[in-house]
């Protein structure tokens, strides 16, 4: 293959041999690392190692890779129909070249096959979309296959949304979140005016709504379980006007260190971090300061947010590779149950426990909440309808849950449920919170 940067390849107009070669190498790397590393991390790492690629080549390569991954199943059918070997180069070419005459791809007239092959969804996710949305499943799947916009959350501790909208050319306000700003095109966020001053953070609108749905108030004690690098933690600090106490809990010291840096830039001084190691099931194994912190928080928090690990099916617009990752759903839901049970022991009477995921499968959402409510720790909680001012269009009278969809709301597919504690927790839950035994007994 000709690798000269100016050589134009037949059938892929205007694309250099160098760009095609790079795309093939990148796709090959993703295939090797797909179970260990998300696609965006693989792409970012590859581009860091290839400084020779110009901006146009990088843009084309990125679009080609994301397109091939997003439509993996469709590409496989086209390769078979064209009698082409299943190689990274052939996959890239099939994505880049015009549709083949006499394409064998299913049409909407056969919705089941169209969803699974043409829109390229694995059977399990297709089944779930059909069960949840019925005829809307095709519209939802098509929306999941689009690229999400870049959305910012304005940090009201530093500035106002009006000021950010005036500063960032072409930016528009989000439909539901009072904090959100949508950028007109993809840019390097770090170079935008106001970033270093802590005016905003990148945060998808649905994620902003999860933080808003906690309804936390200034002066409260709040715990964010599974805080990670702190997107929702920082939003909670703004909601509380930097007054009160937020404890960000995560098993990763590295992620919490990133949160501390972001909190400093945002001016969020009410946040403290707490590294709590876990075993493979998600059971807390705290020691030293973490153990003392959890003991002091037992039945003391006004609100606990459980930002649960999940399959990521709701963020396919950003992470299409999540379609094709292998997940042990039994282990995943057991982990989610463990975190929810442990977090429940931190909630005071009349306090709230908010459980959220960025996945749309009922098994990770409604079924986790229902299972928790039938357990001993969950018996003192009840579902409370979420109320977020200005978001009435997101709710139906038949459901107390928050569910967002790309085709309905222009957002990623998130789920949230609010559980209010109405009674005294079982003694074992508070007595053994810091040992992990409570969660194990509750299972």
Protein backbone atom coordinates (compact mmCIF):
# COMPACT_ATOMS: atom_id res chain seq x y z
CA UNK A 1 0.00 0.00 0.00
CA UNK A 2 1.24 3.47 -0.86
CA UNK A 3 1.84 5.44 2.34
CA UNK A 4 2.63 8.77 0.71
CA UNK A 5 0.54 11.51 2.36
CA UNK A 6 -0.60 12.94 -0.98
CA UNK A 7 -1.55 9.70 -2.71
CA UNK A 8 -5.30 9.53 -3.34
CA UNK A 9 -6.75 6.06 -3.00
CA UNK A 10 -9.29 4.88 -5.57
CA UNK A 11 -12.84 4.88 -4.20
CA UNK A 12 -12.04 7.04 -1.16
CA UNK A 13 -11.83 10.48 -2.64
CA UNK A 14 -9.44 12.92 -1.03
CA UNK A 15 -8.11 10.52 1.58
CA UNK A 16 -4.38 9.89 1.74
CA UNK A 17 -2.73 6.51 1.95
CA UNK A 18 -1.19 7.62 5.22
CA UNK A 19 -4.63 8.30 6.70
CA UNK A 20 -5.98 4.94 5.54
CA UNK A 21 -2.96 3.12 6.92
CA UNK A 22 -3.34 4.91 10.23
CA UNK A 23 -7.05 4.05 10.37
CA UNK A 24 -6.27 0.39 9.74
CA UNK A 25 -3.63 0.36 12.48
CA UNK A 26 -6.00 2.08 14.91
CA UNK A 27 -8.86 -0.31 14.18
CA UNK A 28 -6.49 -3.25 14.68
CA UNK A 29 -5.39 -1.81 18.01
CA UNK A 30 -9.01 -1.42 19.11
CA UNK A 31 -9.77 -5.04 18.23
CA UNK A 32 -6.86 -6.10 20.42
CA UNK A 33 -7.79 -3.88 23.37
CA UNK A 34 -11.59 -3.75 23.10
CA UNK A 35 -12.27 -5.73 26.29
CA UNK A 36 -9.73 -3.76 28.32
CA UNK A 37 -9.93 -0.17 27.12
CA UNK A 38 -12.80 2.02 25.89
CA UNK A 39 -12.62 3.24 22.32
CA UNK A 40 -12.09 6.90 23.17
CA UNK A 41 -9.01 6.02 25.23
CA UNK A 42 -7.61 3.85 22.45
CA UNK A 43 -8.14 6.64 19.90
CA UNK A 44 -6.60 9.30 22.15
CA UNK A 45 -3.56 7.15 22.85
CA UNK A 46 -3.06 6.41 19.16
CA UNK A 47 -3.20 10.07 18.15
CA UNK A 48 -0.69 10.98 20.86
CA UNK A 49 1.73 8.57 19.21
CA UNK A 50 1.10 9.89 15.67
CA UNK A 51 2.10 13.53 15.59
CA UNK A 52 2.65 13.29 11.84
CA UNK A 53 -1.09 13.22 11.10
CA UNK A 54 -2.66 16.56 10.22
CA UNK A 55 -6.01 17.77 11.58
CA UNK A 56 -7.97 16.73 8.49
CA UNK A 57 -6.51 13.23 8.58
CA UNK A 58 -7.24 12.90 12.29
CA UNK A 59 -10.82 13.96 11.78
CA UNK A 60 -11.35 11.45 8.95
CA UNK A 61 -9.64 8.64 10.87
CA UNK A 62 -11.74 9.30 13.96
CA UNK A 63 -14.97 9.31 11.93
CA UNK A 64 -13.96 6.10 10.15
CA UNK A 65 -13.10 4.24 13.35
CA UNK A 66 -16.22 5.32 15.20
CA UNK A 67 -18.33 4.52 12.13
CA UNK A 68 -16.87 1.03 11.77
CA UNK A 69 -17.33 0.26 15.47
CA UNK A 70 -20.82 1.74 15.61
CA UNK A 71 -21.95 -0.36 12.61
CA UNK A 72 -19.87 -3.46 13.31
CA UNK A 73 -22.65 -5.95 12.65
CA UNK A 74 -23.74 -4.24 9.42
CA UNK A 75 -20.15 -4.20 8.20
CA UNK A 76 -19.88 -7.93 8.78
CA UNK A 77 -22.92 -8.61 6.58
CA UNK A 78 -21.61 -6.33 3.83
CA UNK A 79 -18.23 -8.07 3.86
CA UNK A 80 -19.92 -11.45 3.52
CA UNK A 81 -22.22 -10.22 0.74
CA UNK A 82 -19.26 -8.73 -1.14
CA UNK A 83 -17.17 -11.89 -0.69
CA UNK A 84 -14.44 -9.81 0.96
CA UNK A 85 -12.07 -11.00 3.63
CA UNK A 86 -12.87 -9.70 7.10
CA UNK A 87 -9.86 -7.41 7.55
CA UNK A 88 -9.53 -3.98 9.17
CA UNK A 89 -8.72 -2.40 5.78
CA UNK A 90 -11.82 -3.84 4.14
CA UNK A 91 -13.96 -2.66 7.04
CA UNK A 92 -12.56 0.87 6.74
CA UNK A 93 -13.09 0.91 2.96
CA UNK A 94 -16.67 -0.35 3.26
CA UNK A 95 -17.44 2.43 5.71
CA UNK A 96 -15.80 5.12 3.56
CA UNK A 97 -17.05 4.15 0.11
CA UNK A 98 -20.58 4.69 -1.25
CA UNK A 99 -23.20 2.00 -0.61
CA UNK A 100 -22.84 -1.04 -2.78
CA UNK A 101 -25.39 -1.48 -5.55
CA UNK A 102 -27.99 -4.07 -4.67
CA UNK A 103 -27.22 -3.78 -0.96
CA UNK A 104 -28.47 -6.78 1.05
CA UNK A 105 -29.18 -4.65 4.11
CA UNK A 106 -32.65 -5.04 5.70
CA UNK A 107 -35.03 -2.08 5.45
CA UNK A 108 -37.55 -0.70 7.98
CA UNK A 109 -40.14 -2.95 6.33
CA UNK A 110 -38.54 -5.76 8.34
CA UNK A 111 -38.05 -3.86 11.64
CA UNK A 112 -36.56 -6.72 13.61
CA UNK A 113 -33.71 -7.31 11.15
CA UNK A 114 -33.35 -3.60 10.40
CA UNK A 115 -32.69 -2.89 14.09
CA UNK A 116 -30.17 -5.70 14.47
CA UNK A 117 -28.34 -5.56 11.13
CA UNK A 118 -28.76 -2.21 9.39
CA UNK A 119 -28.76 -0.18 12.63
CA UNK A 120 -26.29 -2.70 14.01
CA UNK A 121 -27.45 -3.57 17.52
CA UNK A 122 -26.60 -6.83 19.28
CA UNK A 123 -29.59 -9.05 20.00
CA UNK A 124 -29.70 -8.39 23.76
CA UNK A 125 -29.81 -4.60 23.39
CA UNK A 126 -32.24 -4.80 20.47
CA UNK A 127 -34.57 -7.01 22.53
CA UNK A 128 -34.44 -4.51 25.39
CA UNK A 129 -35.17 -1.51 23.18
CA UNK A 130 -38.15 -3.32 21.66
CA UNK A 131 -39.50 -4.26 25.10
CA UNK A 132 -39.10 -0.73 26.46
CA UNK A 133 -40.10 1.32 23.44
CA UNK A 134 -42.08 -0.86 21.03
CA UNK A 135 -42.29 0.80 17.58
CA UNK A 136 -40.06 3.63 18.87
CA UNK A 137 -37.12 1.22 19.10
CA UNK A 138 -35.98 1.99 15.55
CA UNK A 139 -36.05 5.74 16.13
CA UNK A 140 -34.16 5.34 19.39
CA UNK A 141 -31.53 3.09 17.80
CA UNK A 142 -31.00 5.55 14.95
CA UNK A 143 -30.52 8.33 17.51
CA UNK A 144 -28.03 6.21 19.45
CA UNK A 145 -26.05 5.89 16.21
CA UNK A 146 -25.54 9.65 15.89
CA UNK A 147 -22.67 11.60 17.39
CA UNK A 148 -23.59 13.41 20.60
CA UNK A 149 -22.94 17.15 20.84
CA UNK A 150 -20.40 18.57 23.26
CA UNK A 151 -22.31 19.78 26.30
CA UNK A 152 -20.98 21.86 29.16
CA UNK A 153 -22.29 22.42 32.67
CA UNK A 154 -21.81 26.01 33.74
CA UNK A 155 -20.23 26.26 37.19
CA UNK A 156 -22.46 28.72 39.02
CA UNK A 157 -19.84 29.08 41.75
CA UNK A 158 -17.73 30.99 39.24
CA UNK A 159 -20.03 32.54 36.64
CA UNK A 160 -23.47 32.48 35.00
CA UNK A 161 -24.82 30.65 31.98
CA UNK A 162 -25.61 33.98 30.30
CA UNK A 163 -21.96 34.98 30.54
CA UNK A 164 -20.76 31.67 29.09
CA UNK A 165 -23.28 31.90 26.24
CA UNK A 166 -22.03 35.40 25.45
CA UNK A 167 -18.40 34.25 25.56
CA UNK A 168 -18.55 31.03 23.52
CA UNK A 169 -19.45 31.73 19.90
CA UNK A 170 -22.42 29.75 18.62
CA UNK A 171 -23.18 28.10 21.98
CA UNK A 172 -26.84 27.48 22.84
CA UNK A 173 -28.64 26.65 26.11
CA UNK A 174 -29.73 23.09 26.83
CA UNK A 175 -33.43 22.29 26.71
CA UNK A 176 -33.90 21.07 30.29
CA UNK A 177 -30.88 21.74 32.49
CA UNK A 178 -30.58 25.34 33.74
CA UNK A 179 -26.80 24.87 33.78
CA UNK A 180 -26.24 23.39 30.32
CA UNK A 181 -24.58 24.85 27.24
CA UNK A 182 -24.26 23.05 23.90
CA UNK A 183 -21.28 23.95 21.71
CA UNK A 184 -21.77 24.61 18.02
CA UNK A 185 -18.96 22.24 17.02
CA UNK A 186 -16.30 20.00 18.50
CA UNK A 187 -13.34 21.94 19.88
CA UNK A 188 -10.44 21.59 22.27
CA UNK A 189 -12.18 22.49 25.52
CA UNK A 190 -8.94 23.36 27.29
CA UNK A 191 -8.31 26.23 24.86
CA UNK A 192 -11.72 27.87 25.28
CA UNK A 193 -12.03 31.11 27.22
CA UNK A 194 -13.14 30.51 30.79
CA UNK A 195 -12.00 26.90 31.11
CA UNK A 196 -8.93 27.60 33.22
CA UNK A 197 -10.99 29.98 35.33
CA UNK A 198 -13.36 27.13 36.21
CA UNK A 199 -16.42 28.50 34.45
CA UNK A 200 -17.61 25.11 33.23
CA UNK A 201 -17.02 21.39 32.96
CA UNK A 202 -17.88 18.96 30.17
CA UNK A 203 -21.00 17.13 31.34
CA UNK A 204 -23.84 15.60 29.34
CA UNK A 205 -27.27 17.10 30.02
CA UNK A 206 -28.78 13.87 31.39
CA UNK A 207 -25.93 13.62 33.89
CA UNK A 208 -26.68 17.20 34.96
CA UNK A 209 -30.32 16.24 35.52
CA UNK A 210 -29.30 13.35 37.77
CA UNK A 211 -27.47 15.83 40.00
CA UNK A 212 -30.45 18.20 39.94
CA UNK A 213 -32.83 15.36 40.85
CA UNK A 214 -31.11 14.94 44.23
CA UNK A 215 -32.62 18.31 45.23
CA UNK A 216 -29.80 18.82 47.74
CA UNK A 217 -29.77 22.07 49.69
CA UNK A 218 -27.04 24.36 51.11
CA UNK A 219 -25.76 23.18 54.48
CA UNK A 220 -26.65 19.50 54.03
CA UNK A 221 -24.47 16.40 54.39
CA UNK A 222 -24.28 14.64 51.03
CA UNK A 223 -22.39 11.51 49.92
CA UNK A 224 -21.58 10.65 46.30
CA UNK A 225 -20.89 6.89 46.10
CA UNK A 226 -18.96 5.98 42.96
CA UNK A 227 -17.93 9.60 42.47
CA UNK A 228 -15.11 8.83 40.02
CA UNK A 229 -13.52 12.00 38.68
CA UNK A 230 -16.41 13.99 40.09
CA UNK A 231 -18.70 15.26 37.34
CA UNK A 232 -21.82 14.92 39.49
CA UNK A 233 -19.94 15.78 42.70
CA UNK A 234 -19.02 19.18 41.30
CA UNK A 235 -22.61 19.72 40.16
CA UNK A 236 -23.82 18.93 43.69
CA UNK A 237 -21.39 21.50 45.12
CA UNK A 238 -22.86 24.15 42.84
CA UNK A 239 -26.41 23.12 43.76
CA UNK A 240 -25.48 23.48 47.45
CA UNK A 241 -23.86 26.88 46.78
CA UNK A 242 -20.65 25.49 48.28
CA UNK A 243 -22.27 25.31 51.71
CA UNK A 244 -22.39 22.05 53.63
CA UNK A 245 -20.37 18.86 53.24
CA UNK A 246 -19.99 16.53 50.29
CA UNK A 247 -18.07 13.28 50.74
CA UNK A 248 -16.97 11.76 47.41
CA UNK A 249 -16.49 8.00 47.81
CA UNK A 250 -14.68 5.86 45.25
CA UNK A 251 -12.40 2.82 45.18
CA UNK A 252 -9.87 4.59 42.92
CA UNK A 253 -7.43 7.03 44.47
CA UNK A 254 -6.40 8.15 40.98
CA UNK A 255 -9.94 9.17 40.02
CA UNK A 256 -10.42 11.04 43.28
CA UNK A 257 -7.14 12.88 42.78
CA UNK A 258 -8.52 14.12 39.46
CA UNK A 259 -11.68 15.22 41.29
CA UNK A 260 -9.57 17.22 43.75
CA UNK A 261 -7.88 19.06 40.87
CA UNK A 262 -11.21 19.82 39.23
CA UNK A 263 -12.71 20.95 42.54
CA UNK A 264 -9.84 23.39 43.06
CA UNK A 265 -10.40 24.89 39.61
CA UNK A 266 -14.14 25.09 40.24
CA UNK A 267 -13.75 26.71 43.66
CA UNK A 268 -15.75 23.87 45.27
CA UNK A 269 -14.34 23.83 48.80
CA UNK A 270 -17.14 21.80 50.40
CA UNK A 271 -15.92 18.52 48.83
CA UNK A 272 -13.78 15.93 50.60
CA UNK A 273 -12.64 12.65 49.09
CA UNK A 274 -12.69 9.20 50.67
CA UNK A 275 -10.91 6.24 49.06
CA UNK A 276 -12.74 3.04 50.01
CA UNK A 277 -11.24 -0.18 48.61
CA UNK A 278 -13.68 -2.93 47.64
CA UNK A 279 -13.54 -6.63 47.01
CA UNK A 280 -14.53 -8.08 43.64
CA UNK A 281 -18.23 -7.95 44.56
CA UNK A 282 -18.10 -4.24 45.41
CA UNK A 283 -18.19 -4.82 49.16
CA UNK A 284 -16.43 -2.00 51.00
CA UNK A 285 -13.18 -2.86 52.75
CA UNK A 286 -12.35 0.44 54.50
CA UNK A 287 -9.37 1.00 56.75
CA UNK A 288 -8.04 3.89 58.80
CA UNK A 289 -9.49 7.29 57.89
CA UNK A 290 -11.99 5.80 55.43
CA UNK A 291 -13.40 3.50 58.12
CA UNK A 292 -13.74 6.38 60.59
CA UNK A 293 -15.40 8.55 57.96
CA UNK A 294 -17.98 5.90 57.07
CA UNK A 295 -18.72 5.25 60.73
CA UNK A 296 -19.39 8.94 61.33
CA UNK A 297 -21.60 9.13 58.25
CA UNK A 298 -23.77 6.14 59.25
CA UNK A 299 -27.43 7.26 59.24
CA UNK A 300 -26.28 10.90 59.07
CA UNK A 301 -26.46 11.91 55.40
CA UNK A 302 -29.32 14.01 54.08
CA UNK A 303 -28.77 12.58 50.60
CA UNK A 304 -26.68 9.75 49.18
CA UNK A 305 -26.20 9.50 45.42
CA UNK A 306 -25.22 6.07 44.10
CA UNK A 307 -23.63 6.64 40.69
CA UNK A 308 -23.56 2.94 39.91
CA UNK A 309 -21.16 1.18 37.53
CA UNK A 310 -23.11 -0.17 34.57
CA UNK A 311 -22.81 -1.43 31.00
CA UNK A 312 -22.92 2.09 29.53
CA UNK A 313 -25.66 1.21 27.04
CA UNK A 314 -27.15 4.66 27.51
CA UNK A 315 -24.10 6.52 26.21
CA UNK A 316 -23.68 4.73 22.87
CA UNK A 317 -23.60 8.06 21.04
CA UNK A 318 -20.27 8.72 22.76
CA UNK A 319 -19.07 5.16 23.33
CA UNK A 320 -20.41 2.93 20.53
CA UNK A 321 -17.95 0.20 21.52
CA UNK A 322 -20.10 -0.47 24.61
CA UNK A 323 -22.47 -2.31 22.24
CA UNK A 324 -19.90 -5.02 21.70
CA UNK A 325 -18.27 -5.40 25.12
CA UNK A 326 -18.84 -8.60 27.04
CA UNK A 327 -20.51 -8.07 30.41
CA UNK A 328 -21.38 -10.51 33.17
CA UNK A 329 -24.79 -9.03 33.98
CA UNK A 330 -25.24 -11.26 37.02
CA UNK A 331 -22.02 -9.91 38.51
CA UNK A 332 -22.87 -6.36 37.41
CA UNK A 333 -26.29 -6.32 39.05
CA UNK A 334 -24.92 -7.98 42.20
CA UNK A 335 -22.32 -5.19 42.38
CA UNK A 336 -25.04 -2.57 41.92
CA UNK A 337 -27.12 -4.16 44.68
CA UNK A 338 -24.10 -4.21 46.98
CA UNK A 339 -23.38 -0.52 46.48
CA UNK A 340 -27.03 0.43 46.96
CA UNK A 341 -27.30 -1.56 50.19
CA UNK A 342 -24.11 -0.11 51.62
CA UNK A 343 -25.07 3.42 50.62
CA UNK A 344 -28.48 3.00 52.28
CA UNK A 345 -26.80 2.68 55.67
CA UNK A 346 -25.54 6.25 55.40
CA UNK A 347 -28.99 7.83 54.94
CA UNK A 348 -30.70 9.53 57.89
CA UNK A 349 -34.40 9.14 58.61
CA UNK A 350 -36.37 11.22 56.05
CA UNK A 351 -33.20 11.45 53.98
CA UNK A 352 -32.98 10.36 50.33
CA UNK A 353 -31.09 7.70 48.45
CA UNK A 354 -30.76 8.32 44.70
CA UNK A 355 -29.73 5.43 42.46
CA UNK A 356 -28.60 6.26 38.91
CA UNK A 357 -27.04 4.57 35.88
CA UNK A 358 -26.17 5.51 32.31
CA UNK A 359 -27.74 2.27 31.02
CA UNK A 360 -31.27 1.60 29.73
CA UNK A 361 -31.68 -2.09 30.59
CA UNK A 362 -34.41 -2.65 33.21
CA UNK A 363 -32.30 -5.31 34.84
CA UNK A 364 -29.77 -2.67 35.91
CA UNK A 365 -32.40 -0.12 36.83
CA UNK A 366 -35.98 -0.83 37.93
CA UNK A 367 -35.14 -4.42 38.85
CA UNK A 368 -32.20 -3.38 41.06
CA UNK A 369 -34.41 -0.86 42.87
CA UNK A 370 -37.24 -3.38 43.26
CA UNK A 371 -34.91 -6.03 44.64
CA UNK A 372 -33.44 -3.57 47.13
CA UNK A 373 -36.88 -2.52 48.37
CA UNK A 374 -37.75 -6.14 49.21
CA UNK A 375 -34.55 -6.61 51.25
CA UNK A 376 -34.18 -5.90 54.98
CA UNK A 377 -32.25 -2.63 54.47
CA UNK A 378 -34.66 -1.53 51.76
CA UNK A 379 -37.79 -2.15 53.84
CA UNK A 380 -37.47 1.31 55.45
CA UNK A 381 -37.34 3.06 52.04
CA UNK A 382 -40.03 3.90 49.53
CA UNK A 383 -39.95 5.25 46.02
CA UNK A 384 -40.55 8.98 45.78
CA UNK A 385 -41.42 10.69 42.51
CA UNK A 386 -38.61 12.82 41.15
CA UNK A 387 -39.33 16.50 40.74
CA UNK A 388 -36.93 18.65 38.74
CA UNK A 389 -38.26 22.13 37.95
CA UNK A 390 -38.54 22.74 34.22
CA UNK A 391 -38.36 19.04 33.28
CA UNK A 392 -42.01 18.09 33.45
CA UNK A 393 -41.85 16.82 29.87
CA UNK A 394 -39.47 14.06 30.95
CA UNK A 395 -41.97 12.40 33.26
CA UNK A 396 -45.19 10.49 32.89
CA UNK A 397 -47.82 10.00 35.57
CA UNK A 398 -47.31 6.24 35.26
CA UNK A 399 -43.66 6.30 36.34
CA UNK A 400 -41.81 7.89 39.26
CA UNK A 401 -38.45 7.31 37.58
CA UNK A 402 -36.27 9.60 35.52
CA UNK A 403 -35.59 8.12 32.09
CA UNK A 404 -34.01 10.14 29.32
CA UNK A 405 -33.61 9.15 25.67
CA UNK A 406 -31.68 10.58 22.72
CA UNK A 407 -34.65 10.41 20.32
CA UNK A 408 -37.12 11.99 22.76
CA UNK A 409 -35.00 14.46 24.68
CA UNK A 410 -31.74 14.84 22.76
CA UNK A 411 -29.83 13.34 25.70
CA UNK A 412 -28.05 10.14 26.58
CA UNK A 413 -30.22 7.40 28.10
CA UNK A 414 -29.94 7.75 31.88
CA UNK A 415 -32.03 6.24 34.66
CA UNK A 416 -32.59 7.53 38.19
CA UNK A 417 -34.88 6.62 41.07
CA UNK A 418 -35.29 8.46 44.37
CA UNK A 419 -35.80 6.38 47.52
CA UNK A 420 -36.83 8.10 50.76
CA UNK A 421 -36.05 6.59 54.13
CA UNK A 422 -39.18 6.51 56.27
CA UNK A 423 -38.07 4.48 59.28
CA UNK A 424 -35.23 3.30 61.48
CA UNK A 425 -32.66 1.08 59.80
CA UNK A 426 -32.12 -2.48 61.06
CA UNK A 427 -29.44 -2.41 63.80
CA UNK A 428 -26.96 -4.57 61.90
CA UNK A 429 -26.93 -2.06 59.04
CA UNK A 430 -25.51 0.77 61.13
CA UNK A 431 -23.42 -1.32 63.52
CA UNK A 432 -21.41 -3.05 60.83
CA UNK A 433 -21.38 -0.52 58.02
CA UNK A 434 -17.60 -0.11 58.02
CA UNK A 435 -16.80 -3.81 57.86
CA UNK A 436 -18.83 -4.70 54.80
CA UNK A 437 -20.66 -7.46 56.66
CA UNK A 438 -23.95 -5.58 56.57
CA UNK A 439 -24.08 -5.63 52.80
CA UNK A 440 -23.20 -9.31 52.71
CA UNK A 441 -25.95 -10.20 55.21
CA UNK A 442 -28.46 -8.19 53.22
CA UNK A 443 -27.89 -10.11 50.02
